[in-house]
N, C-alpha and C. Protein backbone atom coordinates (compact mmCIF):
# COMPACT_ATOMS: atom_id res chain seq x y z
N ALA A 1 18.34 -0.67 109.49
CA ALA A 1 18.26 0.35 110.51
C ALA A 1 18.68 1.69 109.92
N TYR A 2 18.20 2.76 110.53
CA TYR A 2 18.60 4.09 110.09
C TYR A 2 18.67 5.00 111.29
N ASP A 3 19.39 6.08 111.17
CA ASP A 3 19.70 6.94 112.30
C ASP A 3 19.29 8.36 111.96
N PHE A 4 18.35 8.94 112.71
CA PHE A 4 17.92 10.30 112.46
C PHE A 4 19.10 11.27 112.52
N ALA A 5 20.02 11.04 113.46
CA ALA A 5 21.12 11.98 113.63
C ALA A 5 22.00 12.05 112.41
N HIS A 6 22.05 10.98 111.63
CA HIS A 6 22.88 10.97 110.43
C HIS A 6 22.15 11.59 109.24
N ALA A 7 20.85 11.58 109.25
CA ALA A 7 20.08 12.06 108.10
C ALA A 7 19.58 13.48 108.26
N LEU A 8 19.52 13.99 109.48
CA LEU A 8 19.08 15.36 109.73
C LEU A 8 20.21 16.13 110.37
N LEU A 9 20.77 17.09 109.65
CA LEU A 9 21.84 17.95 110.16
C LEU A 9 21.27 19.34 110.36
N PRO A 10 21.58 20.01 111.49
CA PRO A 10 20.85 21.22 111.86
C PRO A 10 21.17 22.44 111.01
N CYS A 11 20.20 23.34 110.94
CA CYS A 11 20.38 24.65 110.34
C CYS A 11 19.41 25.60 111.02
N CYS A 12 19.72 26.89 110.99
CA CYS A 12 18.81 27.87 111.58
C CYS A 12 19.08 29.23 110.97
N CYS A 13 18.11 30.13 111.12
CA CYS A 13 18.23 31.50 110.66
C CYS A 13 18.03 32.41 111.86
N CYS A 14 18.95 33.36 112.03
CA CYS A 14 18.89 34.23 113.20
C CYS A 14 17.91 35.37 113.02
N TYR A 15 17.51 35.68 111.80
CA TYR A 15 16.74 36.89 111.55
C TYR A 15 15.38 36.65 110.90
N CYS A 16 14.96 35.41 110.79
CA CYS A 16 13.62 35.13 110.28
C CYS A 16 13.12 33.86 110.96
N CYS A 17 12.04 33.33 110.48
CA CYS A 17 11.38 32.25 111.22
C CYS A 17 11.74 30.88 110.70
N TRP A 18 12.87 30.71 109.98
CA TRP A 18 13.26 29.39 109.51
C TRP A 18 14.08 28.69 110.58
N GLN A 19 13.74 27.47 110.87
CA GLN A 19 14.59 26.61 111.68
C GLN A 19 14.37 25.19 111.21
N GLY A 20 15.45 24.46 111.05
CA GLY A 20 15.26 23.14 110.48
C GLY A 20 16.52 22.33 110.41
N ALA A 21 16.61 21.52 109.36
CA ALA A 21 17.70 20.57 109.23
C ALA A 21 17.93 20.26 107.76
N ASN A 22 19.05 19.61 107.50
CA ASN A 22 19.40 19.15 106.16
C ASN A 22 19.07 17.67 106.04
N LEU A 23 18.35 17.30 105.00
CA LEU A 23 18.02 15.90 104.76
C LEU A 23 18.99 15.32 103.75
N VAL A 24 19.79 14.37 104.20
CA VAL A 24 20.73 13.66 103.34
C VAL A 24 20.13 12.30 103.03
N PRO A 25 20.67 11.57 102.04
CA PRO A 25 20.10 10.25 101.73
C PRO A 25 20.00 9.37 102.97
N MET A 26 18.86 8.75 103.14
CA MET A 26 18.57 7.99 104.35
C MET A 26 19.18 6.59 104.35
N ASN A 27 19.60 6.14 103.20
CA ASN A 27 20.22 4.82 103.10
C ASN A 27 21.10 4.80 101.87
N ILE A 28 22.21 4.09 101.93
CA ILE A 28 23.09 4.01 100.77
C ILE A 28 22.41 3.31 99.60
N LEU A 29 21.41 2.49 99.90
CA LEU A 29 20.60 1.83 98.87
C LEU A 29 19.21 2.46 98.88
N PRO A 30 18.89 3.30 97.90
CA PRO A 30 17.61 4.03 97.93
C PRO A 30 16.40 3.13 98.04
N THR A 31 16.47 1.93 97.48
CA THR A 31 15.30 1.04 97.53
C THR A 31 15.02 0.52 98.94
N ASN A 32 15.97 0.71 99.86
CA ASN A 32 15.74 0.30 101.24
C ASN A 32 14.91 1.31 102.03
N VAL A 33 14.72 2.50 101.48
CA VAL A 33 13.98 3.55 102.17
C VAL A 33 12.48 3.32 101.96
N THR A 34 11.76 3.16 103.05
CA THR A 34 10.33 2.89 102.99
C THR A 34 9.52 4.15 103.26
N LYS A 35 8.23 4.07 102.96
CA LYS A 35 7.33 5.20 103.24
C LYS A 35 7.30 5.50 104.73
N ASP A 36 7.29 4.48 105.55
CA ASP A 36 7.27 4.69 107.00
C ASP A 36 8.53 5.40 107.48
N MET A 37 9.68 5.05 106.90
CA MET A 37 10.92 5.72 107.27
C MET A 37 10.86 7.21 106.93
N ILE A 38 10.31 7.52 105.76
CA ILE A 38 10.18 8.92 105.36
C ILE A 38 9.25 9.67 106.30
N HIS A 39 8.12 9.07 106.62
CA HIS A 39 7.18 9.71 107.53
C HIS A 39 7.80 9.92 108.91
N ASP A 40 8.51 8.91 109.40
CA ASP A 40 9.15 9.03 110.71
C ASP A 40 10.18 10.16 110.71
N MET A 41 10.95 10.25 109.64
CA MET A 41 11.99 11.27 109.57
C MET A 41 11.39 12.67 109.59
N LEU A 42 10.37 12.91 108.79
CA LEU A 42 9.77 14.24 108.74
C LEU A 42 8.97 14.53 110.00
N ASP A 43 8.35 13.52 110.58
CA ASP A 43 7.68 13.72 111.86
C ASP A 43 8.69 14.10 112.94
N TYR A 44 9.86 13.48 112.90
CA TYR A 44 10.91 13.82 113.87
C TYR A 44 11.29 15.29 113.74
N ALA A 45 11.39 15.79 112.51
CA ALA A 45 11.69 17.21 112.30
C ALA A 45 10.59 18.09 112.89
N LEU A 46 9.35 17.74 112.63
CA LEU A 46 8.23 18.54 113.14
C LEU A 46 8.16 18.50 114.66
N GLU A 47 8.39 17.35 115.24
CA GLU A 47 8.37 17.22 116.70
C GLU A 47 9.51 17.99 117.35
N SER A 48 10.54 18.29 116.58
CA SER A 48 11.67 19.09 117.07
C SER A 48 11.46 20.58 116.82
N ASN A 49 10.23 20.95 116.47
CA ASN A 49 9.86 22.35 116.20
C ASN A 49 10.57 22.93 114.99
N MET A 50 10.89 22.08 114.03
CA MET A 50 11.44 22.55 112.75
C MET A 50 10.29 22.92 111.82
N ASN A 51 10.54 23.91 110.98
CA ASN A 51 9.52 24.25 109.97
C ASN A 51 10.06 24.20 108.55
N MET A 52 11.34 23.86 108.38
CA MET A 52 11.91 23.73 107.04
C MET A 52 12.98 22.64 107.02
N VAL A 53 13.02 21.90 105.93
CA VAL A 53 14.06 20.90 105.70
C VAL A 53 14.75 21.24 104.39
N ARG A 54 16.06 21.22 104.41
CA ARG A 54 16.84 21.46 103.20
C ARG A 54 17.22 20.12 102.57
N ILE A 55 16.88 19.96 101.30
CA ILE A 55 17.30 18.78 100.55
C ILE A 55 18.70 19.03 100.05
N TRP A 56 19.66 18.42 100.70
CA TRP A 56 21.09 18.67 100.47
C TRP A 56 21.51 18.32 99.04
N GLY A 57 22.24 19.24 98.41
CA GLY A 57 22.61 19.08 97.01
C GLY A 57 23.71 18.07 96.74
N GLY A 58 24.25 17.45 97.78
CA GLY A 58 25.25 16.41 97.58
C GLY A 58 24.69 15.01 97.60
N GLY A 59 23.37 14.90 97.61
CA GLY A 59 22.75 13.58 97.69
C GLY A 59 22.08 13.16 96.41
N MET A 60 20.75 13.00 96.46
CA MET A 60 20.00 12.59 95.28
C MET A 60 18.61 13.21 95.38
N TYR A 61 17.92 13.29 94.24
CA TYR A 61 16.57 13.84 94.24
C TYR A 61 15.64 12.89 94.99
N PRO A 62 14.91 13.39 95.99
CA PRO A 62 14.04 12.51 96.77
C PRO A 62 12.86 11.97 95.97
N VAL A 63 12.30 10.90 96.48
CA VAL A 63 11.12 10.30 95.88
C VAL A 63 9.90 11.18 96.18
N PRO A 64 8.81 11.03 95.42
CA PRO A 64 7.63 11.90 95.61
C PRO A 64 7.07 11.88 97.02
N GLU A 65 7.17 10.76 97.72
CA GLU A 65 6.57 10.66 99.05
C GLU A 65 7.12 11.71 100.02
N VAL A 66 8.38 12.09 99.85
CA VAL A 66 8.96 13.12 100.72
C VAL A 66 8.16 14.42 100.61
N PHE A 67 7.88 14.83 99.39
CA PHE A 67 7.18 16.10 99.17
C PHE A 67 5.68 15.97 99.43
N ASP A 68 5.11 14.83 99.12
CA ASP A 68 3.69 14.62 99.42
C ASP A 68 3.43 14.73 100.91
N TYR A 69 4.31 14.13 101.70
CA TYR A 69 4.12 14.15 103.15
C TYR A 69 4.41 15.55 103.71
N ALA A 70 5.41 16.22 103.16
CA ALA A 70 5.70 17.59 103.59
C ALA A 70 4.52 18.50 103.27
N ASP A 71 3.91 18.34 102.09
CA ASP A 71 2.71 19.11 101.74
C ASP A 71 1.62 18.88 102.78
N GLU A 72 1.40 17.62 103.11
CA GLU A 72 0.32 17.25 104.03
C GLU A 72 0.54 17.84 105.42
N LYS A 73 1.80 17.86 105.86
CA LYS A 73 2.11 18.28 107.23
C LYS A 73 2.47 19.76 107.35
N GLY A 74 2.58 20.46 106.22
CA GLY A 74 2.92 21.87 106.29
C GLY A 74 4.38 22.15 106.57
N LEU A 75 5.25 21.24 106.17
CA LEU A 75 6.68 21.39 106.36
C LEU A 75 7.31 21.95 105.09
N LEU A 76 8.05 23.06 105.21
CA LEU A 76 8.65 23.69 104.04
C LEU A 76 9.91 22.96 103.60
N MET A 77 10.23 23.10 102.30
CA MET A 77 11.41 22.45 101.73
C MET A 77 12.29 23.48 101.01
N TRP A 78 13.58 23.44 101.31
CA TRP A 78 14.60 24.16 100.54
C TRP A 78 15.18 23.12 99.61
N MET A 79 14.93 23.24 98.32
CA MET A 79 15.29 22.20 97.35
C MET A 79 16.53 22.59 96.58
N GLU A 80 17.50 21.69 96.52
CA GLU A 80 18.72 21.93 95.76
C GLU A 80 18.83 20.97 94.59
N THR A 81 19.39 21.46 93.49
CA THR A 81 19.76 20.56 92.41
C THR A 81 21.05 19.84 92.81
N MET A 82 21.28 18.68 92.24
CA MET A 82 22.30 17.77 92.76
C MET A 82 23.69 18.04 92.19
N PHE A 83 24.29 19.11 92.72
CA PHE A 83 25.67 19.47 92.39
C PHE A 83 26.34 19.90 93.69
N ALA A 84 27.57 19.41 93.94
CA ALA A 84 28.17 19.69 95.24
C ALA A 84 29.68 19.59 95.20
N CYS A 85 30.32 20.52 95.92
CA CYS A 85 31.68 20.38 96.44
C CYS A 85 32.79 20.26 95.40
N ALA A 86 32.56 20.73 94.20
CA ALA A 86 33.61 20.68 93.17
C ALA A 86 33.21 21.58 92.00
N PRO A 87 34.18 22.13 91.27
CA PRO A 87 33.83 22.87 90.05
C PRO A 87 33.28 21.93 88.99
N PHE A 88 32.42 22.47 88.14
CA PHE A 88 31.81 21.70 87.05
C PHE A 88 32.11 22.38 85.72
N PRO A 89 32.15 21.62 84.62
CA PRO A 89 32.47 22.19 83.31
C PRO A 89 31.29 22.94 82.70
N ARG A 90 31.54 23.56 81.55
CA ARG A 90 30.45 24.26 80.84
C ARG A 90 30.47 23.96 79.34
N ASP A 91 30.98 22.81 78.95
CA ASP A 91 30.92 22.46 77.53
C ASP A 91 29.46 22.22 77.15
N VAL A 92 29.18 22.34 75.86
CA VAL A 92 27.81 22.32 75.37
C VAL A 92 27.10 21.02 75.75
N ALA A 93 27.76 19.90 75.57
CA ALA A 93 27.12 18.61 75.85
C ALA A 93 26.73 18.51 77.32
N PHE A 94 27.62 18.95 78.20
CA PHE A 94 27.31 18.87 79.63
C PHE A 94 26.16 19.79 80.00
N LEU A 95 26.16 21.02 79.51
CA LEU A 95 25.08 21.96 79.82
C LEU A 95 23.75 21.47 79.28
N GLU A 96 23.74 20.84 78.12
CA GLU A 96 22.49 20.29 77.58
C GLU A 96 21.98 19.15 78.44
N ASN A 97 22.90 18.31 78.92
CA ASN A 97 22.51 17.21 79.79
C ASN A 97 21.93 17.74 81.10
N VAL A 98 22.58 18.75 81.68
CA VAL A 98 22.08 19.35 82.92
C VAL A 98 20.72 19.99 82.69
N ALA A 99 20.57 20.70 81.57
CA ALA A 99 19.29 21.36 81.29
C ALA A 99 18.15 20.35 81.23
N GLU A 100 18.39 19.20 80.63
CA GLU A 100 17.35 18.17 80.57
C GLU A 100 17.02 17.64 81.96
N GLU A 101 18.05 17.35 82.75
CA GLU A 101 17.84 16.85 84.11
C GLU A 101 17.06 17.85 84.96
N VAL A 102 17.51 19.11 84.98
CA VAL A 102 16.88 20.11 85.84
C VAL A 102 15.46 20.41 85.38
N THR A 103 15.25 20.47 84.07
CA THR A 103 13.90 20.72 83.56
C THR A 103 12.94 19.63 84.04
N GLN A 104 13.37 18.38 83.98
CA GLN A 104 12.52 17.28 84.44
C GLN A 104 12.22 17.40 85.93
N GLN A 105 13.24 17.73 86.72
CA GLN A 105 13.05 17.79 88.17
C GLN A 105 12.20 19.00 88.58
N VAL A 106 12.40 20.13 87.93
CA VAL A 106 11.63 21.31 88.27
C VAL A 106 10.16 21.12 87.90
N HIS A 107 9.89 20.53 86.74
CA HIS A 107 8.51 20.23 86.38
C HIS A 107 7.89 19.20 87.32
N ARG A 108 8.70 18.25 87.77
CA ARG A 108 8.19 17.20 88.66
C ARG A 108 7.84 17.76 90.04
N LEU A 109 8.60 18.75 90.50
CA LEU A 109 8.51 19.13 91.91
C LEU A 109 7.90 20.50 92.18
N SER A 110 7.96 21.42 91.24
CA SER A 110 7.64 22.81 91.57
C SER A 110 6.19 23.04 91.94
N TRP A 111 5.29 22.14 91.62
CA TRP A 111 3.89 22.33 91.97
C TRP A 111 3.63 22.05 93.44
N HIS A 112 4.60 21.45 94.14
CA HIS A 112 4.40 21.14 95.56
C HIS A 112 4.41 22.42 96.39
N PRO A 113 3.37 22.69 97.17
CA PRO A 113 3.36 23.90 98.00
C PRO A 113 4.43 23.90 99.08
N SER A 114 4.99 22.75 99.40
CA SER A 114 6.02 22.69 100.43
C SER A 114 7.34 23.30 99.98
N ILE A 115 7.59 23.37 98.68
CA ILE A 115 8.88 23.90 98.21
C ILE A 115 8.87 25.42 98.30
N ALA A 116 9.72 25.94 99.19
CA ALA A 116 9.77 27.38 99.47
C ALA A 116 10.89 28.08 98.73
N ALA A 117 11.92 27.35 98.29
CA ALA A 117 13.05 27.96 97.60
C ALA A 117 13.84 26.88 96.87
N TRP A 118 14.52 27.30 95.80
CA TRP A 118 15.44 26.43 95.07
C TRP A 118 16.85 26.99 95.21
N SER A 119 17.80 26.10 95.36
CA SER A 119 19.22 26.45 95.30
C SER A 119 19.88 25.53 94.28
N SER A 120 20.90 26.04 93.61
CA SER A 120 21.46 25.26 92.51
C SER A 120 22.64 24.38 92.90
N ASN A 121 23.16 24.51 94.13
CA ASN A 121 24.27 23.62 94.49
C ASN A 121 24.64 23.77 95.96
N ASN A 122 25.45 22.83 96.42
CA ASN A 122 26.03 22.84 97.75
C ASN A 122 27.53 23.03 97.66
N GLU A 123 28.03 24.16 98.15
CA GLU A 123 29.46 24.42 98.36
C GLU A 123 30.30 24.43 97.10
N VAL A 124 29.69 24.59 95.93
CA VAL A 124 30.50 24.67 94.71
C VAL A 124 31.25 25.99 94.66
N GLU A 125 30.61 27.08 95.06
CA GLU A 125 31.32 28.37 95.08
C GLU A 125 32.56 28.28 95.97
N GLY A 126 32.41 27.73 97.16
CA GLY A 126 33.55 27.59 98.05
C GLY A 126 34.63 26.69 97.49
N SER A 127 34.23 25.70 96.71
CA SER A 127 35.22 24.76 96.16
C SER A 127 36.17 25.42 95.18
N LEU A 128 35.81 26.59 94.66
CA LEU A 128 36.73 27.29 93.77
C LEU A 128 38.00 27.71 94.49
N ASN A 129 37.98 27.71 95.81
CA ASN A 129 39.17 28.04 96.61
C ASN A 129 39.89 26.81 97.12
N TRP A 130 39.42 25.62 96.79
CA TRP A 130 39.99 24.40 97.34
C TRP A 130 41.06 23.78 96.45
N PHE A 131 41.09 24.13 95.17
CA PHE A 131 41.96 23.46 94.21
C PHE A 131 42.85 24.48 93.51
N ARG A 132 44.11 24.11 93.32
CA ARG A 132 45.06 25.04 92.69
C ARG A 132 44.57 25.48 91.31
N GLU A 133 44.00 24.53 90.54
CA GLU A 133 43.56 24.86 89.18
C GLU A 133 42.50 25.94 89.19
N SER A 134 41.60 25.93 90.17
CA SER A 134 40.50 26.89 90.18
C SER A 134 40.91 28.22 90.82
N TRP A 135 41.67 28.20 91.90
CA TRP A 135 42.02 29.49 92.49
C TRP A 135 43.14 30.21 91.77
N THR A 136 43.85 29.54 90.88
CA THR A 136 44.82 30.25 90.04
C THR A 136 44.26 30.63 88.68
N ASN A 137 43.04 30.15 88.36
CA ASN A 137 42.34 30.52 87.12
C ASN A 137 40.92 30.96 87.47
N ARG A 138 40.84 31.92 88.36
CA ARG A 138 39.56 32.30 88.96
C ARG A 138 38.54 32.74 87.91
N GLU A 139 38.95 33.56 86.96
CA GLU A 139 37.99 34.06 85.97
C GLU A 139 37.42 32.93 85.12
N LEU A 140 38.25 31.98 84.74
CA LEU A 140 37.79 30.85 83.94
C LEU A 140 36.75 30.04 84.71
N PHE A 141 37.06 29.69 85.97
CA PHE A 141 36.15 28.84 86.75
C PHE A 141 34.92 29.61 87.20
N ALA A 142 35.06 30.91 87.43
CA ALA A 142 33.87 31.72 87.74
C ALA A 142 32.94 31.76 86.54
N GLY A 143 33.50 31.83 85.35
CA GLY A 143 32.69 31.78 84.14
C GLY A 143 31.97 30.46 83.98
N ASP A 144 32.66 29.37 84.31
CA ASP A 144 32.01 28.05 84.30
C ASP A 144 30.84 28.02 85.28
N TYR A 145 31.06 28.58 86.45
CA TYR A 145 30.04 28.61 87.50
C TYR A 145 28.80 29.36 87.03
N ILE A 146 29.00 30.55 86.49
CA ILE A 146 27.88 31.38 86.03
C ILE A 146 27.11 30.67 84.91
N ALA A 147 27.85 30.09 83.96
CA ALA A 147 27.20 29.43 82.82
C ALA A 147 26.31 28.28 83.27
N LEU A 148 26.75 27.53 84.26
CA LEU A 148 25.98 26.37 84.71
C LEU A 148 24.87 26.76 85.68
N PHE A 149 25.23 27.42 86.76
CA PHE A 149 24.29 27.57 87.87
C PHE A 149 23.34 28.75 87.73
N ILE A 150 23.74 29.76 86.98
CA ILE A 150 22.87 30.92 86.82
C ILE A 150 22.25 30.96 85.42
N ASP A 151 23.10 30.91 84.40
CA ASP A 151 22.57 31.01 83.03
C ASP A 151 21.75 29.79 82.62
N THR A 152 22.06 28.63 83.18
CA THR A 152 21.34 27.40 82.83
C THR A 152 20.29 27.03 83.88
N ILE A 153 20.74 26.72 85.10
CA ILE A 153 19.82 26.20 86.10
C ILE A 153 18.84 27.26 86.58
N ARG A 154 19.32 28.44 86.91
CA ARG A 154 18.39 29.48 87.36
C ARG A 154 17.39 29.83 86.27
N ALA A 155 17.85 29.89 85.04
CA ALA A 155 16.95 30.24 83.94
C ALA A 155 15.80 29.23 83.82
N ILE A 156 16.11 27.95 84.01
CA ILE A 156 15.07 26.92 83.92
C ILE A 156 14.08 27.05 85.07
N ILE A 157 14.60 27.23 86.29
CA ILE A 157 13.72 27.36 87.45
C ILE A 157 12.80 28.56 87.29
N LYS A 158 13.34 29.69 86.85
CA LYS A 158 12.53 30.90 86.71
C LYS A 158 11.54 30.81 85.56
N LYS A 159 11.88 30.04 84.54
CA LYS A 159 10.94 29.86 83.43
C LYS A 159 9.72 29.07 83.89
N VAL A 160 9.95 28.03 84.68
CA VAL A 160 8.85 27.19 85.15
C VAL A 160 8.07 27.88 86.26
N ASN A 161 8.78 28.53 87.16
CA ASN A 161 8.13 29.16 88.32
C ASN A 161 8.80 30.51 88.59
N PRO A 162 8.37 31.57 87.91
CA PRO A 162 9.05 32.87 88.00
C PRO A 162 9.10 33.46 89.40
N SER A 163 8.13 33.16 90.25
CA SER A 163 8.09 33.76 91.58
C SER A 163 8.88 32.99 92.63
N MET A 164 9.45 31.85 92.25
CA MET A 164 10.14 31.01 93.22
C MET A 164 11.47 31.66 93.66
N PRO A 165 11.70 31.84 94.96
CA PRO A 165 13.01 32.34 95.43
C PRO A 165 14.13 31.40 94.99
N PHE A 166 15.26 32.01 94.61
CA PHE A 166 16.39 31.24 94.10
C PHE A 166 17.66 31.69 94.79
N VAL A 167 18.49 30.71 95.19
CA VAL A 167 19.81 30.95 95.76
C VAL A 167 20.81 30.18 94.91
N ASP A 168 21.86 30.84 94.45
CA ASP A 168 22.75 30.13 93.52
C ASP A 168 23.62 29.10 94.22
N CYS A 169 23.89 29.26 95.52
CA CYS A 169 24.76 28.31 96.21
C CYS A 169 24.49 28.40 97.71
N SER A 170 24.77 27.33 98.40
CA SER A 170 24.79 27.34 99.85
C SER A 170 26.12 26.75 100.30
N PRO A 171 26.95 27.54 100.99
CA PRO A 171 26.75 28.92 101.40
C PRO A 171 27.08 29.90 100.28
N SER A 172 26.60 31.12 100.44
CA SER A 172 26.79 32.14 99.41
C SER A 172 26.46 33.51 99.97
N ASN A 173 26.99 34.54 99.33
CA ASN A 173 26.65 35.91 99.69
C ASN A 173 25.42 36.41 98.96
N GLY A 174 24.77 35.54 98.21
CA GLY A 174 23.55 35.92 97.53
C GLY A 174 23.81 36.81 96.32
N ALA A 175 22.85 37.64 96.01
CA ALA A 175 22.91 38.45 94.79
C ALA A 175 22.89 39.93 95.12
N ILE A 176 23.57 40.71 94.29
CA ILE A 176 23.46 42.16 94.36
C ILE A 176 22.20 42.61 93.65
N VAL A 177 21.93 41.98 92.51
CA VAL A 177 20.70 42.23 91.75
C VAL A 177 20.03 40.89 91.49
N ASP A 178 18.75 40.80 91.78
CA ASP A 178 17.99 39.57 91.52
C ASP A 178 16.60 39.97 91.02
N THR A 179 16.48 40.05 89.71
CA THR A 179 15.22 40.38 89.06
C THR A 179 14.93 39.31 88.02
N PRO A 180 13.73 39.25 87.47
CA PRO A 180 13.46 38.26 86.43
C PRO A 180 14.41 38.38 85.25
N GLU A 181 14.90 39.58 84.99
CA GLU A 181 15.75 39.79 83.82
C GLU A 181 17.24 39.65 84.12
N GLN A 182 17.64 39.75 85.38
CA GLN A 182 19.06 39.84 85.68
C GLN A 182 19.36 39.26 87.06
N TYR A 183 20.51 38.57 87.14
CA TYR A 183 21.01 38.08 88.41
C TYR A 183 22.49 38.40 88.48
N VAL A 184 22.85 39.30 89.38
CA VAL A 184 24.25 39.68 89.55
C VAL A 184 24.72 39.13 90.89
N LYS A 185 25.62 38.19 90.84
CA LYS A 185 26.09 37.50 92.04
C LYS A 185 27.03 38.38 92.84
N ARG A 186 26.92 38.29 94.17
CA ARG A 186 27.86 38.97 95.06
C ARG A 186 28.98 37.98 95.39
N TRP A 187 30.13 38.16 94.73
CA TRP A 187 31.27 37.30 95.00
C TRP A 187 31.95 37.74 96.30
N GLY A 188 32.78 36.91 96.84
CA GLY A 188 33.49 37.18 98.08
C GLY A 188 33.55 35.93 98.93
N SER A 189 33.99 36.07 100.16
CA SER A 189 34.04 34.91 101.05
C SER A 189 32.65 34.33 101.26
N ASP A 190 32.51 33.02 101.03
CA ASP A 190 31.19 32.41 101.21
C ASP A 190 30.88 32.18 102.69
N GLN A 191 31.77 32.61 103.56
CA GLN A 191 31.53 32.55 105.00
C GLN A 191 31.35 33.94 105.61
N ASP A 192 31.12 34.94 104.78
CA ASP A 192 30.90 36.30 105.27
C ASP A 192 29.57 36.35 106.03
N PRO A 193 29.57 36.65 107.31
CA PRO A 193 28.32 36.61 108.08
C PRO A 193 27.37 37.75 107.77
N ARG A 194 27.80 38.72 106.97
CA ARG A 194 26.93 39.88 106.68
C ARG A 194 25.89 39.57 105.63
N TYR A 195 26.14 38.56 104.79
CA TYR A 195 25.26 38.31 103.66
C TYR A 195 24.89 36.83 103.57
N GLY A 196 23.73 36.58 103.01
CA GLY A 196 23.36 35.23 102.60
C GLY A 196 23.46 34.19 103.70
N SER A 197 24.09 33.07 103.36
CA SER A 197 24.14 31.92 104.26
C SER A 197 25.59 31.51 104.50
N VAL A 198 25.80 30.80 105.60
CA VAL A 198 27.12 30.25 105.91
C VAL A 198 26.97 28.80 106.36
N HIS A 199 28.07 28.06 106.27
CA HIS A 199 28.17 26.72 106.83
C HIS A 199 29.18 26.81 107.97
N TYR A 200 28.75 26.43 109.16
CA TYR A 200 29.50 26.72 110.39
C TYR A 200 29.97 25.42 111.02
N TYR A 201 31.31 25.18 111.00
CA TYR A 201 31.83 23.90 111.51
C TYR A 201 32.86 23.99 112.64
N PRO A 202 33.32 25.15 113.05
CA PRO A 202 34.32 25.14 114.14
C PRO A 202 33.67 24.95 115.51
N VAL A 203 32.91 23.90 115.65
CA VAL A 203 32.19 23.62 116.89
C VAL A 203 32.59 22.23 117.36
N SER A 204 33.08 22.14 118.58
CA SER A 204 33.42 20.84 119.14
C SER A 204 32.25 20.32 119.97
N ILE A 205 32.18 19.02 120.11
CA ILE A 205 31.13 18.43 120.92
C ILE A 205 31.20 18.93 122.35
N ALA A 206 32.42 19.14 122.84
CA ALA A 206 32.59 19.57 124.22
C ALA A 206 32.03 20.97 124.47
N SER A 207 31.90 21.77 123.41
CA SER A 207 31.43 23.14 123.59
C SER A 207 30.13 23.41 122.84
N CYS A 208 29.32 22.36 122.67
CA CYS A 208 28.07 22.53 121.91
C CYS A 208 27.13 23.54 122.56
N TRP A 209 27.22 23.71 123.88
CA TRP A 209 26.35 24.66 124.56
C TRP A 209 26.62 26.08 124.09
N GLN A 210 27.82 26.33 123.50
CA GLN A 210 28.17 27.66 122.99
C GLN A 210 27.61 27.92 121.59
N LEU A 211 26.97 26.91 121.00
CA LEU A 211 26.60 26.97 119.59
C LEU A 211 25.81 28.22 119.26
N TYR A 212 24.73 28.45 119.97
CA TYR A 212 23.86 29.55 119.60
C TYR A 212 24.47 30.90 119.96
N ILE A 213 25.42 30.93 120.88
CA ILE A 213 26.13 32.17 121.18
C ILE A 213 27.12 32.48 120.06
N ASP A 214 27.79 31.45 119.55
CA ASP A 214 28.82 31.65 118.53
C ASP A 214 28.25 32.01 117.17
N ILE A 215 27.06 31.52 116.84
CA ILE A 215 26.50 31.73 115.51
C ILE A 215 26.21 33.21 115.28
N ILE A 216 26.75 33.76 114.19
CA ILE A 216 26.56 35.18 113.91
C ILE A 216 26.08 35.43 112.49
N GLY A 217 25.91 34.40 111.68
CA GLY A 217 25.53 34.60 110.29
C GLY A 217 24.05 34.93 110.14
N GLN A 218 23.69 35.41 108.95
CA GLN A 218 22.29 35.68 108.65
C GLN A 218 21.48 34.40 108.58
N LEU A 219 22.05 33.37 107.97
CA LEU A 219 21.38 32.08 107.84
C LEU A 219 22.41 30.97 107.96
N GLU A 220 22.30 30.18 109.01
CA GLU A 220 23.22 29.06 109.24
C GLU A 220 22.61 27.82 108.60
N VAL A 221 23.07 27.48 107.40
CA VAL A 221 22.48 26.37 106.67
C VAL A 221 23.04 25.03 107.12
N GLU A 222 24.30 25.00 107.55
CA GLU A 222 24.88 23.80 108.12
C GLU A 222 25.71 24.19 109.32
N TYR A 223 25.67 23.36 110.35
CA TYR A 223 26.67 23.44 111.40
C TYR A 223 26.76 22.08 112.08
N ALA A 224 27.93 21.79 112.59
CA ALA A 224 28.14 20.48 113.22
C ALA A 224 29.47 20.51 113.93
N ALA A 225 29.77 19.44 114.65
CA ALA A 225 31.03 19.34 115.36
C ALA A 225 32.15 19.03 114.39
N ALA A 226 33.18 19.86 114.41
CA ALA A 226 34.33 19.64 113.54
C ALA A 226 35.32 18.66 114.15
N HIS A 227 35.23 18.45 115.47
CA HIS A 227 36.17 17.56 116.16
C HIS A 227 35.36 16.54 116.94
N ALA A 228 34.99 15.48 116.26
CA ALA A 228 34.07 14.50 116.85
C ALA A 228 34.67 13.77 118.05
N ASN A 229 35.99 13.75 118.18
CA ASN A 229 36.61 12.99 119.27
C ASN A 229 36.65 13.76 120.58
N GLU A 230 36.30 15.03 120.58
CA GLU A 230 36.35 15.81 121.80
C GLU A 230 35.14 15.53 122.68
């Protein structure tokens, strides 16, 4: 059995025409996911008037059927590389391993017309504030971040598909400069509603009707009830 509510988490944009959900792994055992389950899940998104699904960077790279069906149905995809919720190193061996992985995935997926944007991670920027080692050595960990997600991953994505929109993190304040030659990240609170995207969780089930009134960010990539028992 599988539950749509567990696999599709809502997201929306207040200032453009994106509305959709986050697709997380549909089963703890990937081989249990069938073609019919994939079709049902994406049909559920379309029937809910969604036009974009975000492939959450804390899961796994989806099988081809996800993108084939999205292409067929005209459903857009926000695709993330699989890095989430923690700082990552930048030693040579690790960066070479990542480069091989991302190169394979970008070549495998970028030809799909459903892919509207690539992002290099989920909540890694925010995680720099979660651990004493990273927030007391900010310059070191920020350098690790740039080396992996911009100098390595973004470079590969732009080499394969130069016109593809790129976001270094979700949530993030985006870039001050974003050209083929240069990407200058806008650092700051990753929950700043003036820029980029935010993840919005101070919502209780009891006050879900206030959701759309409370949302003030440019792009709400995640939101959910923070207090499930209410």
